[in-house]
All heavy atoms as atom14 arrays in JSON, in Angstrom:
{
  "sequence": "GEGDPAWLRARVRPEALSGLLGLVNKGTISGSMAKDVFDKMVATGRS",
  "atom14_mask": [
    [1, 1, 1, 1, 0, 0, 0, 0, 0, 0, 0, 0, 0, 0],
    [1, 1, 1, 1, 1, 1, 1, 1, 1, 0, 0, 0, 0, 0],
    [1, 1, 1, 1, 0, 0, 0, 0, 0, 0, 0, 0, 0, 0],
    [1, 1, 1, 1, 1, 1, 1, 1, 0, 0, 0, 0, 0, 0],
    [1, 1, 1, 1, 1, 1, 1, 0, 0, 0, 0, 0, 0, 0],
    [1, 1, 1, 1, 1, 0, 0, 0, 0, 0, 0, 0, 0, 0],
    [1, 1, 1, 1, 1, 1, 1, 1, 1, 1, 1, 1, 1, 1],
    [1, 1, 1, 1, 1, 1, 1, 1, 0, 0, 0, 0, 0, 0],
    [1, 1, 1, 1, 1, 1, 1, 1, 1, 1, 1, 0, 0, 0],
    [1, 1, 1, 1, 1, 0, 0, 0, 0, 0, 0, 0, 0, 0],
    [1, 1, 1, 1, 1, 1, 1, 1, 1, 1, 1, 0, 0, 0],
    [1, 1, 1, 1, 1, 1, 1, 0, 0, 0, 0, 0, 0, 0],
    [1, 1, 1, 1, 1, 1, 1, 1, 1, 1, 1, 0, 0, 0],
    [1, 1, 1, 1, 1, 1, 1, 0, 0, 0, 0, 0, 0, 0],
    [1, 1, 1, 1, 1, 1, 1, 1, 1, 0, 0, 0, 0, 0],
    [1, 1, 1, 1, 1, 0, 0, 0, 0, 0, 0, 0, 0, 0],
    [1, 1, 1, 1, 1, 1, 1, 1, 0, 0, 0, 0, 0, 0],
    [1, 1, 1, 1, 1, 1, 0, 0, 0, 0, 0, 0, 0, 0],
    [1, 1, 1, 1, 0, 0, 0, 0, 0, 0, 0, 0, 0, 0],
    [1, 1, 1, 1, 1, 1, 1, 1, 0, 0, 0, 0, 0, 0],
    [1, 1, 1, 1, 1, 1, 1, 1, 0, 0, 0, 0, 0, 0],
    [1, 1, 1, 1, 0, 0, 0, 0, 0, 0, 0, 0, 0, 0],
    [1, 1, 1, 1, 1, 1, 1, 1, 0, 0, 0, 0, 0, 0],
    [1, 1, 1, 1, 1, 1, 1, 0, 0, 0, 0, 0, 0, 0],
    [1, 1, 1, 1, 1, 1, 1, 1, 0, 0, 0, 0, 0, 0],
    [1, 1, 1, 1, 1, 1, 1, 1, 1, 0, 0, 0, 0, 0],
    [1, 1, 1, 1, 0, 0, 0, 0, 0, 0, 0, 0, 0, 0],
    [1, 1, 1, 1, 1, 1, 1, 0, 0, 0, 0, 0, 0, 0],
    [1, 1, 1, 1, 1, 1, 1, 1, 0, 0, 0, 0, 0, 0],
    [1, 1, 1, 1, 1, 1, 0, 0, 0, 0, 0, 0, 0, 0],
    [1, 1, 1, 1, 0, 0, 0, 0, 0, 0, 0, 0, 0, 0],
    [1, 1, 1, 1, 1, 1, 0, 0, 0, 0, 0, 0, 0, 0],
    [1, 1, 1, 1, 1, 1, 1, 1, 0, 0, 0, 0, 0, 0],
    [1, 1, 1, 1, 1, 0, 0, 0, 0, 0, 0, 0, 0, 0],
    [1, 1, 1, 1, 1, 1, 1, 1, 1, 0, 0, 0, 0, 0],
    [1, 1, 1, 1, 1, 1, 1, 1, 0, 0, 0, 0, 0, 0],
    [1, 1, 1, 1, 1, 1, 1, 0, 0, 0, 0, 0, 0, 0],
    [1, 1, 1, 1, 1, 1, 1, 1, 1, 1, 1, 0, 0, 0],
    [1, 1, 1, 1, 1, 1, 1, 1, 0, 0, 0, 0, 0, 0],
    [1, 1, 1, 1, 1, 1, 1, 1, 1, 0, 0, 0, 0, 0],
    [1, 1, 1, 1, 1, 1, 1, 1, 0, 0, 0, 0, 0, 0],
    [1, 1, 1, 1, 1, 1, 1, 0, 0, 0, 0, 0, 0, 0],
    [1, 1, 1, 1, 1, 0, 0, 0, 0, 0, 0, 0, 0, 0],
    [1, 1, 1, 1, 1, 1, 1, 0, 0, 0, 0, 0, 0, 0],
    [1, 1, 1, 1, 0, 0, 0, 0, 0, 0, 0, 0, 0, 0],
    [1, 1, 1, 1, 1, 1, 1, 1, 1, 1, 1, 0, 0, 0],
    [1, 1, 1, 1, 1, 1, 0, 0, 0, 0, 0, 0, 0, 0]
  ],
  "atom14_positions": [
    [[7.2, -5.31, 6.29], [8.21, -5.65, 7.36], [7.91, -4.79, 8.54], [8.9, -4.63, 9.37], [0.0, 0.0, 0.0], [0.0, 0.0, 0.0], [0.0, 0.0, 0.0], [0.0, 0.0, 0.0], [0.0, 0.0, 0.0], [0.0, 0.0, 0.0], [0.0, 0.0, 0.0], [0.0, 0.0, 0.0], [0.0, 0.0, 0.0], [0.0, 0.0, 0.0]],
    [[6.7, -4.39, 8.71], [6.34, -3.6, 9.91], [5.37, -4.34, 10.91], [4.44, -4.92, 10.47], [5.71, -2.28, 9.44], [6.55, -1.33, 8.65], [7.7, -0.77, 9.44], [7.55, -0.64, 10.69], [8.73, -0.32, 8.81], [0.0, 0.0, 0.0], [0.0, 0.0, 0.0], [0.0, 0.0, 0.0], [0.0, 0.0, 0.0], [0.0, 0.0, 0.0]],
    [[5.71, -4.37, 12.15], [4.82, -4.95, 13.11], [4.13, -3.9, 13.98], [3.38, -4.2, 14.89], [0.0, 0.0, 0.0], [0.0, 0.0, 0.0], [0.0, 0.0, 0.0], [0.0, 0.0, 0.0], [0.0, 0.0, 0.0], [0.0, 0.0, 0.0], [0.0, 0.0, 0.0], [0.0, 0.0, 0.0], [0.0, 0.0, 0.0], [0.0, 0.0, 0.0]],
    [[4.49, -2.58, 13.71], [3.93, -1.5, 14.5], [2.61, -0.95, 13.91], [2.68, -0.42, 12.76], [5.03, -0.37, 14.77], [4.67, 0.68, 15.61], [3.52, 0.61, 16.14], [5.48, 1.54, 15.86], [0.0, 0.0, 0.0], [0.0, 0.0, 0.0], [0.0, 0.0, 0.0], [0.0, 0.0, 0.0], [0.0, 0.0, 0.0], [0.0, 0.0, 0.0]],
    [[1.5, -0.94, 14.61], [0.38, -0.36, 14.11], [0.49, 1.15, 13.76], [-0.29, 1.64, 12.89], [-0.7, -0.58, 15.31], [-0.14, -1.77, 16.01], [1.3, -1.7, 15.93], [0.0, 0.0, 0.0], [0.0, 0.0, 0.0], [0.0, 0.0, 0.0], [0.0, 0.0, 0.0], [0.0, 0.0, 0.0], [0.0, 0.0, 0.0], [0.0, 0.0, 0.0]],
    [[1.46, 1.88, 14.35], [1.67, 3.22, 14.18], [2.12, 3.45, 12.64], [1.78, 4.45, 12.02], [2.74, 3.79, 15.08], [0.0, 0.0, 0.0], [0.0, 0.0, 0.0], [0.0, 0.0, 0.0], [0.0, 0.0, 0.0], [0.0, 0.0, 0.0], [0.0, 0.0, 0.0], [0.0, 0.0, 0.0], [0.0, 0.0, 0.0], [0.0, 0.0, 0.0]],
    [[2.72, 2.38, 12.09], [3.13, 2.52, 10.68], [1.88, 2.55, 9.79], [1.76, 3.33, 8.85], [4.01, 1.29, 10.27], [4.41, 1.24, 8.86], [5.58, 1.83, 8.4], [3.69, 0.65, 7.75], [5.68, 1.6, 6.99], [4.53, 0.89, 6.53], [2.58, 0.09, 7.59], [4.12, 0.49, 5.35], [2.14, -0.36, 6.22], [2.96, -0.24, 5.24]],
    [[0.91, 1.78, 10.14], [-0.35, 1.76, 9.39], [-1.09, 2.98, 9.54], [-1.54, 3.63, 8.6], [-1.19, 0.58, 9.88], [-2.68, 0.56, 9.42], [-2.78, 0.34, 7.87], [-3.43, -0.63, 10.07], [0.0, 0.0, 0.0], [0.0, 0.0, 0.0], [0.0, 0.0, 0.0], [0.0, 0.0, 0.0], [0.0, 0.0, 0.0], [0.0, 0.0, 0.0]],
    [[-1.24, 3.54, 10.78], [-1.9, 4.69, 11.11], [-1.37, 5.92, 10.33], [-2.0, 6.87, 9.88], [-1.86, 5.01, 12.57], [-2.79, 6.09, 13.01], [-2.71, 6.29, 14.52], [-3.17, 5.16, 15.31], [-4.45, 4.98, 15.59], [-5.3, 5.87, 15.23], [-4.75, 3.86, 16.3], [0.0, 0.0, 0.0], [0.0, 0.0, 0.0], [0.0, 0.0, 0.0]],
    [[0.05, 5.96, 10.17], [0.61, 7.12, 9.5], [0.37, 7.14, 8.06], [0.46, 8.14, 7.38], [2.11, 7.08, 9.72], [0.0, 0.0, 0.0], [0.0, 0.0, 0.0], [0.0, 0.0, 0.0], [0.0, 0.0, 0.0], [0.0, 0.0, 0.0], [0.0, 0.0, 0.0], [0.0, 0.0, 0.0], [0.0, 0.0, 0.0], [0.0, 0.0, 0.0]],
    [[-0.18, 5.99, 7.49], [-0.31, 5.98, 6.04], [-1.84, 6.0, 5.63], [-2.25, 6.52, 4.66], [0.29, 4.7, 5.4], [1.79, 4.93, 5.27], [2.62, 3.71, 5.28], [4.05, 3.93, 5.22], [4.76, 4.39, 6.18], [4.23, 4.49, 7.44], [6.04, 4.64, 6.11], [0.0, 0.0, 0.0], [0.0, 0.0, 0.0], [0.0, 0.0, 0.0]],
    [[-2.65, 5.28, 6.49], [-4.11, 5.12, 6.24], [-4.77, 5.36, 7.6], [-4.77, 4.47, 8.44], [-4.49, 3.79, 5.58], [-6.07, 3.81, 5.35], [-3.85, 3.53, 4.28], [0.0, 0.0, 0.0], [0.0, 0.0, 0.0], [0.0, 0.0, 0.0], [0.0, 0.0, 0.0], [0.0, 0.0, 0.0], [0.0, 0.0, 0.0], [0.0, 0.0, 0.0]],
    [[-5.38, 6.54, 7.69], [-6.13, 6.87, 8.93], [-7.38, 5.88, 9.05], [-7.99, 5.5, 8.05], [-6.51, 8.33, 8.93], [-5.44, 9.32, 8.78], [-4.61, 9.3, 10.16], [-5.42, 9.71, 11.29], [-5.0, 9.64, 12.55], [-3.82, 9.26, 12.79], [-5.82, 10.0, 13.51], [0.0, 0.0, 0.0], [0.0, 0.0, 0.0], [0.0, 0.0, 0.0]],
    [[-7.83, 5.66, 10.28], [-8.99, 4.76, 10.47], [-10.21, 5.22, 9.73], [-10.97, 4.5, 9.12], [-9.22, 4.85, 11.99], [-7.88, 5.09, 12.5], [-7.2, 5.96, 11.61], [0.0, 0.0, 0.0], [0.0, 0.0, 0.0], [0.0, 0.0, 0.0], [0.0, 0.0, 0.0], [0.0, 0.0, 0.0], [0.0, 0.0, 0.0], [0.0, 0.0, 0.0]],
    [[-10.42, 6.55, 9.66], [-11.59, 7.09, 8.86], [-11.44, 6.89, 7.45], [-12.45, 6.75, 6.72], [-11.79, 8.55, 9.19], [-10.54, 9.5, 9.02], [-9.7, 9.67, 10.27], [-9.75, 8.75, 11.06], [-8.98, 10.6, 10.29], [0.0, 0.0, 0.0], [0.0, 0.0, 0.0], [0.0, 0.0, 0.0], [0.0, 0.0, 0.0], [0.0, 0.0, 0.0]],
    [[-10.2, 6.77, 6.92], [-9.95, 6.52, 5.53], [-10.24, 5.12, 5.13], [-10.84, 4.77, 4.18], [-8.56, 6.84, 5.12], [0.0, 0.0, 0.0], [0.0, 0.0, 0.0], [0.0, 0.0, 0.0], [0.0, 0.0, 0.0], [0.0, 0.0, 0.0], [0.0, 0.0, 0.0], [0.0, 0.0, 0.0], [0.0, 0.0, 0.0], [0.0, 0.0, 0.0]],
    [[-9.91, 4.17, 6.15], [-10.31, 2.72, 5.88], [-11.8, 2.62, 5.98], [-12.41, 1.91, 5.14], [-9.63, 1.89, 6.97], [-9.87, 0.39, 6.89], [-9.5, -0.22, 5.54], [-9.27, -0.37, 8.04], [0.0, 0.0, 0.0], [0.0, 0.0, 0.0], [0.0, 0.0, 0.0], [0.0, 0.0, 0.0], [0.0, 0.0, 0.0], [0.0, 0.0, 0.0]],
    [[-12.41, 3.24, 6.88], [-13.88, 3.3, 7.0], [-14.49, 3.68, 5.62], [-15.49, 3.1, 5.2], [-14.34, 4.12, 8.17], [-15.74, 4.11, 8.19], [0.0, 0.0, 0.0], [0.0, 0.0, 0.0], [0.0, 0.0, 0.0], [0.0, 0.0, 0.0], [0.0, 0.0, 0.0], [0.0, 0.0, 0.0], [0.0, 0.0, 0.0], [0.0, 0.0, 0.0]],
    [[-13.97, 4.73, 5.03], [-14.48, 5.16, 3.79], [-14.39, 4.18, 2.66], [-15.21, 3.98, 1.82], [0.0, 0.0, 0.0], [0.0, 0.0, 0.0], [0.0, 0.0, 0.0], [0.0, 0.0, 0.0], [0.0, 0.0, 0.0], [0.0, 0.0, 0.0], [0.0, 0.0, 0.0], [0.0, 0.0, 0.0], [0.0, 0.0, 0.0], [0.0, 0.0, 0.0]],
    [[-13.16, 3.38, 2.72], [-12.97, 2.3, 1.73], [-14.0, 1.3, 1.78], [-14.65, 0.81, 0.87], [-11.56, 1.84, 1.84], [-11.23, 0.51, 0.95], [-11.36, 0.83, -0.5], [-9.89, 0.01, 1.38], [0.0, 0.0, 0.0], [0.0, 0.0, 0.0], [0.0, 0.0, 0.0], [0.0, 0.0, 0.0], [0.0, 0.0, 0.0], [0.0, 0.0, 0.0]],
    [[-14.22, 0.87, 3.04], [-15.17, -0.24, 3.34], [-16.6, 0.17, 3.04], [-17.45, -0.69, 2.75], [-15.04, -0.82, 4.74], [-13.62, -1.35, 5.14], [-13.55, -1.9, 6.52], [-13.16, -2.37, 4.12], [0.0, 0.0, 0.0], [0.0, 0.0, 0.0], [0.0, 0.0, 0.0], [0.0, 0.0, 0.0], [0.0, 0.0, 0.0], [0.0, 0.0, 0.0]],
    [[-16.9, 1.46, 3.2], [-18.17, 1.93, 2.9], [-18.45, 1.76, 1.33], [-19.65, 1.44, 1.03], [0.0, 0.0, 0.0], [0.0, 0.0, 0.0], [0.0, 0.0, 0.0], [0.0, 0.0, 0.0], [0.0, 0.0, 0.0], [0.0, 0.0, 0.0], [0.0, 0.0, 0.0], [0.0, 0.0, 0.0], [0.0, 0.0, 0.0], [0.0, 0.0, 0.0]],
    [[-17.45, 1.98, 0.55], [-17.62, 1.82, -0.89], [-17.9, 0.31, -1.26], [-18.68, 0.05, -2.14], [-16.38, 2.27, -1.61], [-16.08, 3.77, -1.54], [-14.73, 4.08, -2.28], [-17.2, 4.64, -2.04], [0.0, 0.0, 0.0], [0.0, 0.0, 0.0], [0.0, 0.0, 0.0], [0.0, 0.0, 0.0], [0.0, 0.0, 0.0], [0.0, 0.0, 0.0]],
    [[-17.31, -0.58, -0.39], [-17.53, -2.05, -0.66], [-19.05, -2.4, -0.31], [-19.77, -2.99, -0.96], [-16.52, -2.9, 0.17], [-16.94, -4.37, 0.02], [-15.14, -2.62, -0.28], [0.0, 0.0, 0.0], [0.0, 0.0, 0.0], [0.0, 0.0, 0.0], [0.0, 0.0, 0.0], [0.0, 0.0, 0.0], [0.0, 0.0, 0.0], [0.0, 0.0, 0.0]],
    [[-19.42, -1.79, 0.88], [-20.79, -2.01, 1.39], [-21.82, -1.52, 0.37], [-22.85, -2.15, 0.19], [-20.95, -1.44, 2.7], [-20.58, -2.41, 3.83], [-20.65, -3.59, 3.68], [-20.33, -1.85, 4.97], [0.0, 0.0, 0.0], [0.0, 0.0, 0.0], [0.0, 0.0, 0.0], [0.0, 0.0, 0.0], [0.0, 0.0, 0.0], [0.0, 0.0, 0.0]],
    [[-21.61, -0.37, -0.18], [-22.48, 0.27, -1.26], [-22.47, -0.49, -2.56], [-23.31, -0.07, -3.35], [-22.22, 1.76, -1.31], [-22.64, 2.51, -0.06], [-22.4, 4.07, -0.26], [-21.01, 4.48, -0.48], [-20.87, 5.89, -0.55], [0.0, 0.0, 0.0], [0.0, 0.0, 0.0], [0.0, 0.0, 0.0], [0.0, 0.0, 0.0], [0.0, 0.0, 0.0]],
    [[-21.47, -1.28, -2.83], [-21.44, -1.91, -4.08], [-20.62, -1.09, -5.09], [-20.68, -1.44, -6.32], [0.0, 0.0, 0.0], [0.0, 0.0, 0.0], [0.0, 0.0, 0.0], [0.0, 0.0, 0.0], [0.0, 0.0, 0.0], [0.0, 0.0, 0.0], [0.0, 0.0, 0.0], [0.0, 0.0, 0.0], [0.0, 0.0, 0.0], [0.0, 0.0, 0.0]],
    [[-20.03, 0.0, -4.65], [-19.4, 0.85, -5.55], [-18.11, 0.14, -6.2], [-17.88, 0.31, -7.4], [-18.91, 2.21, -4.89], [-19.99, 2.84, -4.35], [-18.23, 3.08, -5.86], [0.0, 0.0, 0.0], [0.0, 0.0, 0.0], [0.0, 0.0, 0.0], [0.0, 0.0, 0.0], [0.0, 0.0, 0.0], [0.0, 0.0, 0.0], [0.0, 0.0, 0.0]],
    [[-17.49, -0.65, -5.33], [-16.35, -1.39, -5.78], [-16.47, -2.78, -5.12], [-17.19, -2.96, -4.13], [-15.0, -0.85, -5.4], [-14.86, -0.55, -3.92], [-14.73, 0.51, -6.13], [-13.56, -0.09, -3.41], [0.0, 0.0, 0.0], [0.0, 0.0, 0.0], [0.0, 0.0, 0.0], [0.0, 0.0, 0.0], [0.0, 0.0, 0.0], [0.0, 0.0, 0.0]],
    [[-15.92, -3.8, -5.79], [-15.9, -5.07, -5.25], [-14.78, -5.29, -4.16], [-13.91, -4.5, -4.06], [-15.68, -6.16, -6.28], [-14.36, -6.02, -6.8], [0.0, 0.0, 0.0], [0.0, 0.0, 0.0], [0.0, 0.0, 0.0], [0.0, 0.0, 0.0], [0.0, 0.0, 0.0], [0.0, 0.0, 0.0], [0.0, 0.0, 0.0], [0.0, 0.0, 0.0]],
    [[-14.85, -6.39, -3.38], [-13.87, -6.67, -2.41], [-12.52, -6.83, -2.95], [-11.52, -6.35, -2.49], [0.0, 0.0, 0.0], [0.0, 0.0, 0.0], [0.0, 0.0, 0.0], [0.0, 0.0, 0.0], [0.0, 0.0, 0.0], [0.0, 0.0, 0.0], [0.0, 0.0, 0.0], [0.0, 0.0, 0.0], [0.0, 0.0, 0.0], [0.0, 0.0, 0.0]],
    [[-12.47, -7.53, -4.11], [-11.02, -7.66, -4.76], [-10.47, -6.34, -5.31], [-9.26, -6.05, -5.23], [-11.17, -8.61, -6.02], [-12.06, -8.19, -6.98], [0.0, 0.0, 0.0], [0.0, 0.0, 0.0], [0.0, 0.0, 0.0], [0.0, 0.0, 0.0], [0.0, 0.0, 0.0], [0.0, 0.0, 0.0], [0.0, 0.0, 0.0], [0.0, 0.0, 0.0]],
    [[-11.38, -5.51, -5.78], [-10.98, -4.14, -6.28], [-10.57, -3.31, -5.13], [-9.63, -2.51, -5.1], [-12.08, -3.44, -7.07], [-12.4, -4.03, -8.35], [-13.86, -3.28, -9.1], [-13.31, -1.65, -9.3], [0.0, 0.0, 0.0], [0.0, 0.0, 0.0], [0.0, 0.0, 0.0], [0.0, 0.0, 0.0], [0.0, 0.0, 0.0], [0.0, 0.0, 0.0]],
    [[-11.28, -3.53, -3.9], [-10.9, -2.73, -2.69], [-9.52, -3.06, -2.23], [-8.79, -2.12, -1.71], [-11.85, -3.12, -1.62], [0.0, 0.0, 0.0], [0.0, 0.0, 0.0], [0.0, 0.0, 0.0], [0.0, 0.0, 0.0], [0.0, 0.0, 0.0], [0.0, 0.0, 0.0], [0.0, 0.0, 0.0], [0.0, 0.0, 0.0], [0.0, 0.0, 0.0]],
    [[-9.07, -4.21, -2.43], [-7.62, -4.54, -2.0], [-6.67, -3.75, -2.81], [-5.65, -3.2, -2.29], [-7.38, -5.97, -2.1], [-8.2, -6.92, -1.24], [-7.93, -8.35, -1.46], [-8.96, -9.18, -0.55], [-8.83, -10.65, -0.85], [0.0, 0.0, 0.0], [0.0, 0.0, 0.0], [0.0, 0.0, 0.0], [0.0, 0.0, 0.0], [0.0, 0.0, 0.0]],
    [[-6.91, -3.64, -4.11], [-6.06, -2.8, -5.0], [-6.15, -1.34, -4.54], [-5.07, -0.6, -4.55], [-6.42, -2.95, -6.46], [-6.14, -4.31, -7.02], [-5.31, -5.04, -6.44], [-6.88, -4.68, -7.95], [0.0, 0.0, 0.0], [0.0, 0.0, 0.0], [0.0, 0.0, 0.0], [0.0, 0.0, 0.0], [0.0, 0.0, 0.0], [0.0, 0.0, 0.0]],
    [[-7.34, -0.86, -4.3], [-7.51, 0.56, -3.87], [-6.67, 0.76, -2.55], [-6.1, 1.82, -2.28], [-8.94, 0.92, -3.75], [-9.07, 2.36, -3.08], [-9.65, 0.81, -5.05], [0.0, 0.0, 0.0], [0.0, 0.0, 0.0], [0.0, 0.0, 0.0], [0.0, 0.0, 0.0], [0.0, 0.0, 0.0], [0.0, 0.0, 0.0], [0.0, 0.0, 0.0]],
    [[-6.86, -0.2, -1.69], [-6.09, -0.08, -0.39], [-4.54, 0.08, -0.52], [-3.96, 0.87, 0.1], [-6.41, -1.17, 0.57], [-5.78, -1.13, 1.9], [-6.12, -0.18, 2.92], [-4.63, -1.94, 2.22], [-5.51, -0.2, 4.07], [-4.04, -1.85, 3.42], [-4.44, -0.95, 4.37], [0.0, 0.0, 0.0], [0.0, 0.0, 0.0], [0.0, 0.0, 0.0]],
    [[-4.06, -0.81, -1.52], [-2.59, -0.62, -1.73], [-2.18, 0.73, -2.17], [-1.15, 1.28, -1.77], [-2.18, -1.68, -2.79], [-2.28, -3.14, -2.29], [-2.2, -3.32, -0.99], [-2.35, -4.07, -3.08], [0.0, 0.0, 0.0], [0.0, 0.0, 0.0], [0.0, 0.0, 0.0], [0.0, 0.0, 0.0], [0.0, 0.0, 0.0], [0.0, 0.0, 0.0]],
    [[-3.08, 1.27, -3.13], [-2.81, 2.68, -3.6], [-2.9, 3.7, -2.49], [-2.24, 4.73, -2.4], [-3.7, 2.97, -4.73], [-3.38, 2.1, -5.95], [-4.3, 2.29, -7.12], [-4.03, 1.43, -8.26], [-5.0, 1.56, -9.39], [0.0, 0.0, 0.0], [0.0, 0.0, 0.0], [0.0, 0.0, 0.0], [0.0, 0.0, 0.0], [0.0, 0.0, 0.0]],
    [[-3.8, 3.47, -1.51], [-3.93, 4.35, -0.4], [-2.69, 4.36, 0.5], [-2.25, 5.37, 0.91], [-5.24, 3.94, 0.44], [-6.58, 4.2, -0.25], [-7.96, 3.46, 0.75], [-8.02, 4.43, 2.17], [0.0, 0.0, 0.0], [0.0, 0.0, 0.0], [0.0, 0.0, 0.0], [0.0, 0.0, 0.0], [0.0, 0.0, 0.0], [0.0, 0.0, 0.0]],
    [[-2.19, 3.14, 0.74], [-0.98, 3.1, 1.51], [0.26, 3.8, 0.79], [0.99, 4.5, 1.41], [-0.61, 1.62, 1.82], [0.8, 1.49, 2.37], [-1.67, 0.87, 2.63], [0.0, 0.0, 0.0], [0.0, 0.0, 0.0], [0.0, 0.0, 0.0], [0.0, 0.0, 0.0], [0.0, 0.0, 0.0], [0.0, 0.0, 0.0], [0.0, 0.0, 0.0]],
    [[0.29, 3.57, -0.51], [1.45, 4.15, -1.28], [1.35, 5.59, -1.55], [2.36, 6.3, -1.59], [1.52, 3.46, -2.64], [0.0, 0.0, 0.0], [0.0, 0.0, 0.0], [0.0, 0.0, 0.0], [0.0, 0.0, 0.0], [0.0, 0.0, 0.0], [0.0, 0.0, 0.0], [0.0, 0.0, 0.0], [0.0, 0.0, 0.0], [0.0, 0.0, 0.0]],
    [[0.21, 6.15, -1.52], [-0.05, 7.58, -1.91], [-0.61, 8.48, -0.83], [-0.54, 9.7, -0.92], [-0.91, 7.73, -3.2], [-2.23, 7.3, -2.95], [-0.31, 6.89, -4.36], [0.0, 0.0, 0.0], [0.0, 0.0, 0.0], [0.0, 0.0, 0.0], [0.0, 0.0, 0.0], [0.0, 0.0, 0.0], [0.0, 0.0, 0.0], [0.0, 0.0, 0.0]],
    [[-1.31, 7.9, 0.1], [-2.09, 8.74, 1.13], [-3.31, 9.34, 0.57], [-4.0, 9.91, 1.31], [0.0, 0.0, 0.0], [0.0, 0.0, 0.0], [0.0, 0.0, 0.0], [0.0, 0.0, 0.0], [0.0, 0.0, 0.0], [0.0, 0.0, 0.0], [0.0, 0.0, 0.0], [0.0, 0.0, 0.0], [0.0, 0.0, 0.0], [0.0, 0.0, 0.0]],
    [[-3.75, 8.92, -0.67], [-5.07, 9.5, -1.19], [-6.25, 8.68, -0.55], [-6.11, 7.54, -0.07], [-5.04, 9.3, -2.75], [-3.92, 10.19, -3.38], [-3.73, 9.63, -4.8], [-4.84, 9.68, -5.64], [-4.88, 8.96, -6.8], [-3.97, 8.2, -7.09], [-6.07, 8.98, -7.48], [0.0, 0.0, 0.0], [0.0, 0.0, 0.0], [0.0, 0.0, 0.0]],
    [[-7.43, 9.3, -0.73], [-8.59, 8.64, -0.11], [-9.09, 7.69, -1.17], [-8.76, 7.71, -2.37], [-9.66, 9.71, 0.14], [-10.16, 10.23, -1.12], [0.0, 0.0, 0.0], [0.0, 0.0, 0.0], [0.0, 0.0, 0.0], [0.0, 0.0, 0.0], [0.0, 0.0, 0.0], [0.0, 0.0, 0.0], [0.0, 0.0, 0.0], [0.0, 0.0, 0.0]]
  ]
}
């Protein structure tokens, strides 16, 4: 229910998203798994 990009930035920094997508590019995780990982990043703030 948030339309403000600041909400996203406060939970997942741009460099953290870059790290996630790097794992996808390297084949460490699949695209579908990456979506689950992203949800956990938003919820916990972990990398």
